[in-house]
Amino acid sequence: MLIRMKVKAGARKERVVEIGPGRFEIQVKEKAAQNAANGRVVALIARHLRVPEKSLHMVSGHHHPKKTLRVI
């Protein structure tokens, strides 16, 4: 299963909004520097979907706000 999302790093509040099947808008407090935001995105999606973080793999968007995750 692929999950597509748009991420805003450096937000005041963290939130996950499902805007469609397999599509999310995510806001995280962490800055985009040094992969901090990506780690938090994976943690929030794992908690939202109730799956372990190890079952999520970032397919694309490592350095871009539009990201794709694969649930293994």
PDB file of N, CA and C in Angstrom:
ATOM      1  N   MET A   1       0.846  -1.168   0.000  1.00  0.00           N
ATOM      2  CA  MET A   1       0.000   0.000   0.000  1.00  0.00           C
ATOM      3  C   MET A   1       0.899   1.241   0.000  1.00  0.00           C
ATOM      4  N   LEU A   2       0.610   2.192  -0.868  1.00  0.00           N
ATOM      5  CA  LEU A   2       1.354   3.443  -0.928  1.00  0.00           C
ATOM      6  C   LEU A   2       0.559   4.558  -0.266  1.00  0.00           C
ATOM      7  N   ILE A   3       1.258   5.409   0.451  1.00  0.00           N
ATOM      8  CA  ILE A   3       0.649   6.559   1.116  1.00  0.00           C
ATOM      9  C   ILE A   3       1.338   7.801   0.585  1.00  0.00           C
ATOM     10  N   ARG A   4       0.552   8.723   0.065  1.00  0.00           N
ATOM     11  CA  ARG A   4       1.098   9.983  -0.433  1.00  0.00           C
ATOM     12  C   ARG A   4       0.746  11.086   0.547  1.00  0.00           C
ATOM     13  N   MET A   5       1.685  12.006   0.740  1.00  0.00           N
ATOM     14  CA  MET A   5       1.439  13.060   1.720  1.00  0.00           C
ATOM     15  C   MET A   5       2.169  14.333   1.344  1.00  0.00           C
ATOM     16  N   LYS A   6       1.655  15.422   1.878  1.00  0.00           N
ATOM     17  CA  LYS A   6       2.319  16.721   1.785  1.00  0.00           C
ATOM     18  C   LYS A   6       2.666  17.116   3.206  1.00  0.00           C
ATOM     19  N   VAL A   7       3.931  17.441   3.442  1.00  0.00           N
ATOM     20  CA  VAL A   7       4.428  17.687   4.792  1.00  0.00           C
ATOM     21  C   VAL A   7       4.832  19.147   4.943  1.00  0.00           C
ATOM     22  N   LYS A   8       4.426  19.734   6.068  1.00  0.00           N
ATOM     23  CA  LYS A   8       4.886  21.073   6.430  1.00  0.00           C
ATOM     24  C   LYS A   8       5.743  20.927   7.681  1.00  0.00           C
ATOM     25  N   ALA A   9       7.033  21.186   7.530  1.00  0.00           N
ATOM     26  CA  ALA A   9       7.960  21.106   8.657  1.00  0.00           C
ATOM     27  C   ALA A   9       8.018  22.452   9.366  1.00  0.00           C
ATOM     28  N   GLY A  10       8.304  22.422  10.660  1.00  0.00           N
ATOM     29  CA  GLY A  10       8.426  23.652  11.438  1.00  0.00           C
ATOM     30  C   GLY A  10       7.097  24.271  11.815  1.00  0.00           C
ATOM     31  N   ALA A  11       6.044  23.474  11.896  1.00  0.00           N
ATOM     32  CA  ALA A  11       4.718  23.980  12.253  1.00  0.00           C
ATOM     33  C   ALA A  11       4.612  24.180  13.767  1.00  0.00           C
ATOM     34  N   ARG A  12       3.657  24.961  14.183  1.00  0.00           N
ATOM     35  CA  ARG A  12       3.441  25.171  15.623  1.00  0.00           C
ATOM     36  C   ARG A  12       2.813  23.953  16.281  1.00  0.00           C
ATOM     37  N   LYS A  13       1.877  23.313  15.577  1.00  0.00           N
ATOM     38  CA  LYS A  13       1.187  22.133  16.108  1.00  0.00           C
ATOM     39  C   LYS A  13       1.388  20.968  15.161  1.00  0.00           C
ATOM     40  N   GLU A  14       1.477  19.773  15.737  1.00  0.00           N
ATOM     41  CA  GLU A  14       1.557  18.574  14.916  1.00  0.00           C
ATOM     42  C   GLU A  14       0.147  18.080  14.646  1.00  0.00           C
ATOM     43  N   ARG A  15      -0.087  17.692  13.394  1.00  0.00           N
ATOM     44  CA  ARG A  15      -1.390  17.132  13.061  1.00  0.00           C
ATOM     45  C   ARG A  15      -1.292  16.279  11.810  1.00  0.00           C
ATOM     46  N   VAL A  16      -2.207  15.335  11.732  1.00  0.00           N
ATOM     47  CA  VAL A  16      -2.321  14.448  10.580  1.00  0.00           C
ATOM     48  C   VAL A  16      -3.756  14.544  10.096  1.00  0.00           C
ATOM     49  N   VAL A  17      -3.939  14.929   8.835  1.00  0.00           N
ATOM     50  CA  VAL A  17      -5.271  15.062   8.254  1.00  0.00           C
ATOM     51  C   VAL A  17      -5.345  14.150   7.038  1.00  0.00           C
ATOM     52  N   GLU A  18      -6.281  13.210   7.068  1.00  0.00           N
ATOM     53  CA  GLU A  18      -6.481  12.328   5.919  1.00  0.00           C
ATOM     54  C   GLU A  18      -7.408  13.047   4.947  1.00  0.00           C
ATOM     55  N   ILE A  19      -6.906  13.348   3.746  1.00  0.00           N
ATOM     56  CA  ILE A  19      -7.688  14.106   2.772  1.00  0.00           C
ATOM     57  C   ILE A  19      -8.280  13.213   1.694  1.00  0.00           C
ATOM     58  N   GLY A  20      -8.004  11.944   1.759  1.00  0.00           N
ATOM     59  CA  GLY A  20      -8.536  10.983   0.803  1.00  0.00           C
ATOM     60  C   GLY A  20      -7.942   9.624   1.108  1.00  0.00           C
ATOM     61  N   PRO A  21      -8.361   8.604   0.364  1.00  0.00           N
ATOM     62  CA  PRO A  21      -7.796   7.279   0.608  1.00  0.00           C
ATOM     63  C   PRO A  21      -6.301   7.252   0.278  1.00  0.00           C
ATOM     64  N   GLY A  22      -5.479   7.012   1.292  1.00  0.00           N
ATOM     65  CA  GLY A  22      -4.041   6.951   1.103  1.00  0.00           C
ATOM     66  C   GLY A  22      -3.375   8.296   0.890  1.00  0.00           C
ATOM     67  N   ARG A  23      -4.067   9.402   1.221  1.00  0.00           N
ATOM     68  CA  ARG A  23      -3.516  10.752   1.037  1.00  0.00           C
ATOM     69  C   ARG A  23      -3.650  11.538   2.337  1.00  0.00           C
ATOM     70  N   PHE A  24      -2.548  12.173   2.741  1.00  0.00           N
ATOM     71  CA  PHE A  24      -2.513  12.890   4.009  1.00  0.00           C
ATOM     72  C   PHE A  24      -1.855  14.251   3.850  1.00  0.00           C
ATOM     73  N   GLU A  25      -2.243  15.173   4.721  1.00  0.00           N
ATOM     74  CA  GLU A  25      -1.516  16.416   4.938  1.00  0.00           C
ATOM     75  C   GLU A  25      -1.009  16.349   6.371  1.00  0.00           C
ATOM     76  N   ILE A  26       0.288  16.573   6.552  1.00  0.00           N
ATOM     77  CA  ILE A  26       0.913  16.403   7.860  1.00  0.00           C
ATOM     78  C   ILE A  26       1.692  17.661   8.213  1.00  0.00           C
ATOM     79  N   GLN A  27       1.571  18.067   9.468  1.00  0.00           N
ATOM     80  CA  GLN A  27       2.363  19.170   9.993  1.00  0.00           C
ATOM     81  C   GLN A  27       3.163  18.641  11.173  1.00  0.00           C
ATOM     82  N   VAL A  28       4.467  18.919  11.165  1.00  0.00           N
ATOM     83  CA  VAL A  28       5.347  18.480  12.249  1.00  0.00           C
ATOM     84  C   VAL A  28       6.122  19.671  12.794  1.00  0.00           C
ATOM     85  N   LYS A  29       6.470  19.617  14.078  1.00  0.00           N
ATOM     86  CA  LYS A  29       7.215  20.699  14.721  1.00  0.00           C
ATOM     87  C   LYS A  29       8.683  20.712  14.310  1.00  0.00           C
ATOM     88  N   GLU A  30       9.239  19.552  14.004  1.00  0.00           N
ATOM     89  CA  GLU A  30      10.657  19.456  13.672  1.00  0.00           C
ATOM     90  C   GLU A  30      10.967  20.203  12.381  1.00  0.00           C
ATOM     91  N   LYS A  31      12.171  20.719  12.311  1.00  0.00           N
ATOM     92  CA  LYS A  31      12.652  21.381  11.097  1.00  0.00           C
ATOM     93  C   LYS A  31      13.048  20.322  10.075  1.00  0.00           C
ATOM     94  N   ALA A  32      13.137  20.740   8.831  1.00  0.00           N
ATOM     95  CA  ALA A  32      13.488  19.814   7.755  1.00  0.00           C
ATOM     96  C   ALA A  32      14.967  19.438   7.770  1.00  0.00           C
ATOM     97  N   ALA A  33      15.773  20.114   8.549  1.00  0.00           N
ATOM     98  CA  ALA A  33      17.220  19.861   8.574  1.00  0.00           C
ATOM     99  C   ALA A  33      17.551  18.524   9.237  1.00  0.00           C
ATOM    100  N   GLN A  34      18.565  17.868   8.716  1.00  0.00           N
ATOM    101  CA  GLN A  34      19.138  16.640   9.269  1.00  0.00           C
ATOM    102  C   GLN A  34      18.120  15.515   9.448  1.00  0.00           C
ATOM    103  N   ASN A  35      17.161  15.431   8.550  1.00  0.00           N
ATOM    104  CA  ASN A  35      16.208  14.314   8.511  1.00  0.00           C
ATOM    105  C   ASN A  35      15.286  14.242   9.727  1.00  0.00           C
ATOM    106  N   ALA A  36      15.231  15.280  10.543  1.00  0.00           N
ATOM    107  CA  ALA A  36      14.407  15.258  11.756  1.00  0.00           C
ATOM    108  C   ALA A  36      12.924  15.190  11.417  1.00  0.00           C
ATOM    109  N   ALA A  37      12.481  15.956  10.431  1.00  0.00           N
ATOM    110  CA  ALA A  37      11.065  15.971  10.071  1.00  0.00           C
ATOM    111  C   ALA A  37      10.632  14.626   9.484  1.00  0.00           C
ATOM    112  N   ASN A  38      11.472  14.008   8.668  1.00  0.00           N
ATOM    113  CA  ASN A  38      11.118  12.719   8.068  1.00  0.00           C
ATOM    114  C   ASN A  38      10.894  11.651   9.131  1.00  0.00           C
ATOM    115  N   GLY A  39      11.745  11.617  10.133  1.00  0.00           N
ATOM    116  CA  GLY A  39      11.570  10.650  11.217  1.00  0.00           C
ATOM    117  C   GLY A  39      10.274  10.863  11.968  1.00  0.00           C
ATOM    118  N   ARG A  40       9.928  12.107  12.207  1.00  0.00           N
ATOM    119  CA  ARG A  40       8.680  12.409  12.918  1.00  0.00           C
ATOM    120  C   ARG A  40       7.469  12.082  12.059  1.00  0.00           C
ATOM    121  N   VAL A  41       7.558  12.312  10.744  1.00  0.00           N
ATOM    122  CA  VAL A  41       6.464  11.967   9.828  1.00  0.00           C
ATOM    123  C   VAL A  41       6.191  10.472   9.886  1.00  0.00           C
ATOM    124  N   VAL A  42       7.238   9.671   9.837  1.00  0.00           N
ATOM    125  CA  VAL A  42       7.073   8.213   9.898  1.00  0.00           C
ATOM    126  C   VAL A  42       6.426   7.816  11.221  1.00  0.00           C
ATOM    127  N   ALA A  43       6.849   8.428  12.321  1.00  0.00           N
ATOM    128  CA  ALA A  43       6.274   8.104  13.632  1.00  0.00           C
ATOM    129  C   ALA A  43       4.794   8.470  13.696  1.00  0.00           C
ATOM    130  N   LEU A  44       4.420   9.631  13.178  1.00  0.00           N
ATOM    131  CA  LEU A  44       3.016  10.052  13.219  1.00  0.00           C
ATOM    132  C   LEU A  44       2.130   9.167  12.345  1.00  0.00           C
ATOM    133  N   ILE A  45       2.601   8.832  11.147  1.00  0.00           N
ATOM    134  CA  ILE A  45       1.815   7.968  10.258  1.00  0.00           C
ATOM    135  C   ILE A  45       1.676   6.575  10.861  1.00  0.00           C
ATOM    136  N   ALA A  46       2.743   6.052  11.450  1.00  0.00           N
ATOM    137  CA  ALA A  46       2.677   4.731  12.084  1.00  0.00           C
ATOM    138  C   ALA A  46       1.648   4.730  13.207  1.00  0.00           C
ATOM    139  N   ARG A  47       1.642   5.776  14.017  1.00  0.00           N
ATOM    140  CA  ARG A  47       0.665   5.860  15.109  1.00  0.00           C
ATOM    141  C   ARG A  47      -0.753   6.004  14.562  1.00  0.00           C
ATOM    142  N   HIS A  48      -0.920   6.806  13.513  1.00  0.00           N
ATOM    143  CA  HIS A  48      -2.247   7.020  12.921  1.00  0.00           C
ATOM    144  C   HIS A  48      -2.803   5.723  12.317  1.00  0.00           C
ATOM    145  N   LEU A  49      -1.938   4.959  11.646  1.00  0.00           N
ATOM    146  CA  LEU A  49      -2.374   3.713  11.006  1.00  0.00           C
ATOM    147  C   LEU A  49      -2.311   2.507  11.935  1.00  0.00           C
ATOM    148  N   ARG A  50      -1.733   2.707  13.129  1.00  0.00           N
ATOM    149  CA  ARG A  50      -1.565   1.634  14.118  1.00  0.00           C
ATOM    150  C   ARG A  50      -0.731   0.479  13.561  1.00  0.00           C
ATOM    151  N   VAL A  51       0.414   0.847  12.993  1.00  0.00           N
ATOM    152  CA  VAL A  51       1.379  -0.134  12.498  1.00  0.00           C
ATOM    153  C   VAL A  51       2.744   0.226  13.087  1.00  0.00           C
ATOM    154  N   PRO A  52       3.673  -0.732  13.175  1.00  0.00           N
ATOM    155  CA  PRO A  52       5.013  -0.399  13.678  1.00  0.00           C
ATOM    156  C   PRO A  52       5.771   0.486  12.681  1.00  0.00           C
ATOM    157  N   GLU A  53       6.627   1.349  13.208  1.00  0.00           N
ATOM    158  CA  GLU A  53       7.407   2.251  12.352  1.00  0.00           C
ATOM    159  C   GLU A  53       8.277   1.480  11.366  1.00  0.00           C
ATOM    160  N   LYS A  54       8.744   0.315  11.758  1.00  0.00           N
ATOM    161  CA  LYS A  54       9.610  -0.489  10.888  1.00  0.00           C
ATOM    162  C   LYS A  54       8.885  -0.993   9.647  1.00  0.00           C
ATOM    163  N   SER A  55       7.556  -0.973   9.653  1.00  0.00           N
ATOM    164  CA  SER A  55       6.808  -1.442   8.487  1.00  0.00           C
ATOM    165  C   SER A  55       6.581  -0.335   7.462  1.00  0.00           C
ATOM    166  N   LEU A  56       7.093   0.869   7.715  1.00  0.00           N
ATOM    167  CA  LEU A  56       6.969   1.987   6.776  1.00  0.00           C
ATOM    168  C   LEU A  56       8.318   2.270   6.133  1.00  0.00           C
ATOM    169  N   HIS A  57       8.310   2.460   4.821  1.00  0.00           N
ATOM    170  CA  HIS A  57       9.539   2.740   4.071  1.00  0.00           C
ATOM    171  C   HIS A  57       9.288   3.946   3.172  1.00  0.00           C
ATOM    172  N   MET A  58      10.148   4.962   3.259  1.00  0.00           N
ATOM    173  CA  MET A  58       9.995   6.149   2.430  1.00  0.00           C
ATOM    174  C   MET A  58      10.493   5.844   1.021  1.00  0.00           C
ATOM    175  N   VAL A  59       9.578   5.916   0.058  1.00  0.00           N
ATOM    176  CA  VAL A  59       9.892   5.595  -1.327  1.00  0.00           C
ATOM    177  C   VAL A  59      10.452   6.817  -2.052  1.00  0.00           C
ATOM    178  N   SER A  60       9.828   7.979  -1.839  1.00  0.00           N
ATOM    179  CA  SER A  60      10.295   9.195  -2.503  1.00  0.00           C
ATOM    180  C   SER A  60      10.003  10.399  -1.626  1.00  0.00           C
ATOM    181  N   GLY A  61      10.687  11.504  -1.935  1.00  0.00           N
ATOM    182  CA  GLY A  61      10.454  12.745  -1.223  1.00  0.00           C
ATOM    183  C   GLY A  61      11.334  12.962  -0.021  1.00  0.00           C
ATOM    184  N   HIS A  62      12.508  12.341   0.008  1.00  0.00           N
ATOM    185  CA  HIS A  62      13.405  12.503   1.157  1.00  0.00           C
ATOM    186  C   HIS A  62      13.760  13.964   1.401  1.00  0.00           C
ATOM    187  N   HIS A  63      13.872  14.741   0.335  1.00  0.00           N
ATOM    188  CA  HIS A  63      14.255  16.153   0.447  1.00  0.00           C
ATOM    189  C   HIS A  63      13.192  17.061  -0.164  1.00  0.00           C
ATOM    190  N   HIS A  64      11.943  16.646  -0.120  1.00  0.00           N
ATOM    191  CA  HIS A  64      10.859  17.398  -0.749  1.00  0.00           C
ATOM    192  C   HIS A  64       9.618  17.302   0.129  1.00  0.00           C
ATOM    193  N   PRO A  65       8.760  18.320   0.147  1.00  0.00           N
ATOM    194  CA  PRO A  65       7.548  18.265   0.986  1.00  0.00           C
ATOM    195  C   PRO A  65       6.545  17.191   0.564  1.00  0.00           C
ATOM    196  N   LYS A  66       6.528  16.824  -0.717  1.00  0.00           N
ATOM    197  CA  LYS A  66       5.625  15.766  -1.172  1.00  0.00           C
ATOM    198  C   LYS A  66       6.357  14.443  -1.052  1.00  0.00           C
ATOM    199  N   LYS A  67       5.823  13.557  -0.215  1.00  0.00           N
ATOM    200  CA  LYS A  67       6.491  12.301   0.100  1.00  0.00           C
ATOM    201  C   LYS A  67       5.577  11.113  -0.196  1.00  0.00           C
ATOM    202  N   THR A  68       6.187   9.966  -0.429  1.00  0.00           N
ATOM    203  CA  THR A  68       5.463   8.717  -0.619  1.00  0.00           C
ATOM    204  C   THR A  68       6.061   7.674   0.312  1.00  0.00           C
ATOM    205  N   LEU A  69       5.195   7.025   1.089  1.00  0.00           N
ATOM    206  CA  LEU A  69       5.603   5.937   1.980  1.00  0.00           C
ATOM    207  C   LEU A  69       4.964   4.642   1.508  1.00  0.00           C
ATOM    208  N   ARG A  70       5.680   3.547   1.709  1.00  0.00           N
ATOM    209  CA  ARG A  70       5.133   2.220   1.418  1.00  0.00           C
ATOM    210  C   ARG A  70       4.945   1.495   2.741  1.00  0.00           C
ATOM    211  N   VAL A  71       3.766   0.903   2.920  1.00  0.00           N
ATOM    212  CA  VAL A  71       3.492   0.086   4.097  1.00  0.00           C
ATOM    213  C   VAL A  71       3.790  -1.354   3.714  1.00  0.00           C
ATOM    214  N   ILE A  72       4.723  -1.960   4.448  1.00  0.00           N
ATOM    215  CA  ILE A  72       5.140  -3.337   4.145  1.00  0.00           C
ATOM    216  C   ILE A  72       4.380  -4.290   5.043  1.00  0.00           C
TER     217      ILE A  72
END
